[in-house]
Amino acid sequence: MKTQLSITTVLMTLLSSSLFAQSPLASTIEGITHKGEVRFGAVKMEANDGKSESTLSLGGKVSLTTKPIYGISATATMFTTNALFGKNGEGMFLDSDGKSYSIMGESYLQLNMGKTLVKAGRQIVNTPYADSDDIGMIPNSFEGYSIVNQDIKESTIVLALLDKWSGVDAPLPERFTNMQTSGDAVLTAGFIYEGLADTTLQLWHYKLDEANYSYGEVGYETKIFNMALQYTDQENSNRAYGASLGGAFGNLSLAIAYNKVNGMVSNGFGGGPFFTSSEDHTIADVANQEAIRYGAEYPIGDMTLGVSHATFDKGENETDYLASFAINSNHTLDVIYHDMYDDGNMVRFFANYHF
């Protein structure tokens, strides 16, 4: 359901929730916990034809969770984004009409039984082809059922049946709509194994109407070295391969990644799992493509600076510059500049307060 809130209402809701834990009233409502975030975001997109779009937005989220009763609890999270200036935001900040919106992005029941976790309702999930992709004001969330089981030693089994989604990547960010045109749910099954030293193995399968997606990844990581391989098959000769390599040299981290596509692949329902994905461009939706991405990251006190460059042999290249600053455990600042060459450039800024 779509709910419109004024900026004043949103701010009062977020502020009152932040102060609630300090009030005497909190002790009278036993077992309900809360958390949230106030987010200020700015985005500016400049195309090489001279067209420019800018958006400033204020929003965030408030989440309430009940105390478990016989292992069952309930969670509800309201997300909101409210334009202070501009109306588009490159599709990352506002709804499909370029307007402010609020949405109950999470509303689920959770059952804990030993090493099994079951969720039913609207929820955030993060899997290779369905993920939150929190690159704007409101992330992707999904409606359906999920099960996570860890009864097998050093292993995790994930099962999910998801039929609707909303958020930054959805066709209509402001309301939950079908993930498939048929209305049928997407069945997801995943297996993660961490029983080998410094090694993680992932195997995933997604059953869709028109194609079944399979994804596999193996990664090896130590404090000074990491490497990974990935493979995906989206049927009908649509496949992608990838490899990544990284290392730490004191405080400096360096990485390089490669992807090759046979046919054409999709990012699925989110940002996609590919190693060469830049902040904006990926190898998806372009046939028979190759890409290479390399980058560096360096911390300076409470600030982290990063730069990466991705070259696509059948698409626009992209160079990204990132700066993240942790003011304290509650306040963070992030600036991301994208140079997309013939596609223009984009800059995003976020100030977050977590409570």
Foldseek 3Di string as FASTA:
>chain_A
DWDDDDPVVQVVVVVCLVCVVVDPVVVVQPFKDKKKKKKWKKKWFAAPVGDIFIWTKIWMKMKIKGHDDQQKIWMWMKTWIATPDTQPRVLAGDWPRSGITMDRQDIWMWGDDPQKIKIAFKAADDDQQAHQQNPHRGTKIFHWMKMWGCPDDQKIKIWTWTFWMAHRQDNTNRDIDGLDPVSGTKIKIKMWHDPDPQKIKIWMWIDDDPWIKIKIKMKGDDPFWIKMKIKMDGDPQWIKIKIKIWGDDDQKIKMKMKMWIAAFDAQHHYDHNHPQDDSPDDRHPDHGKMKMKIKMWGDDVQKIWMWMWMDIPPAFIKIKIKMKGDPDPFWIKIKIKIARDNRGIMIMIMIMGID
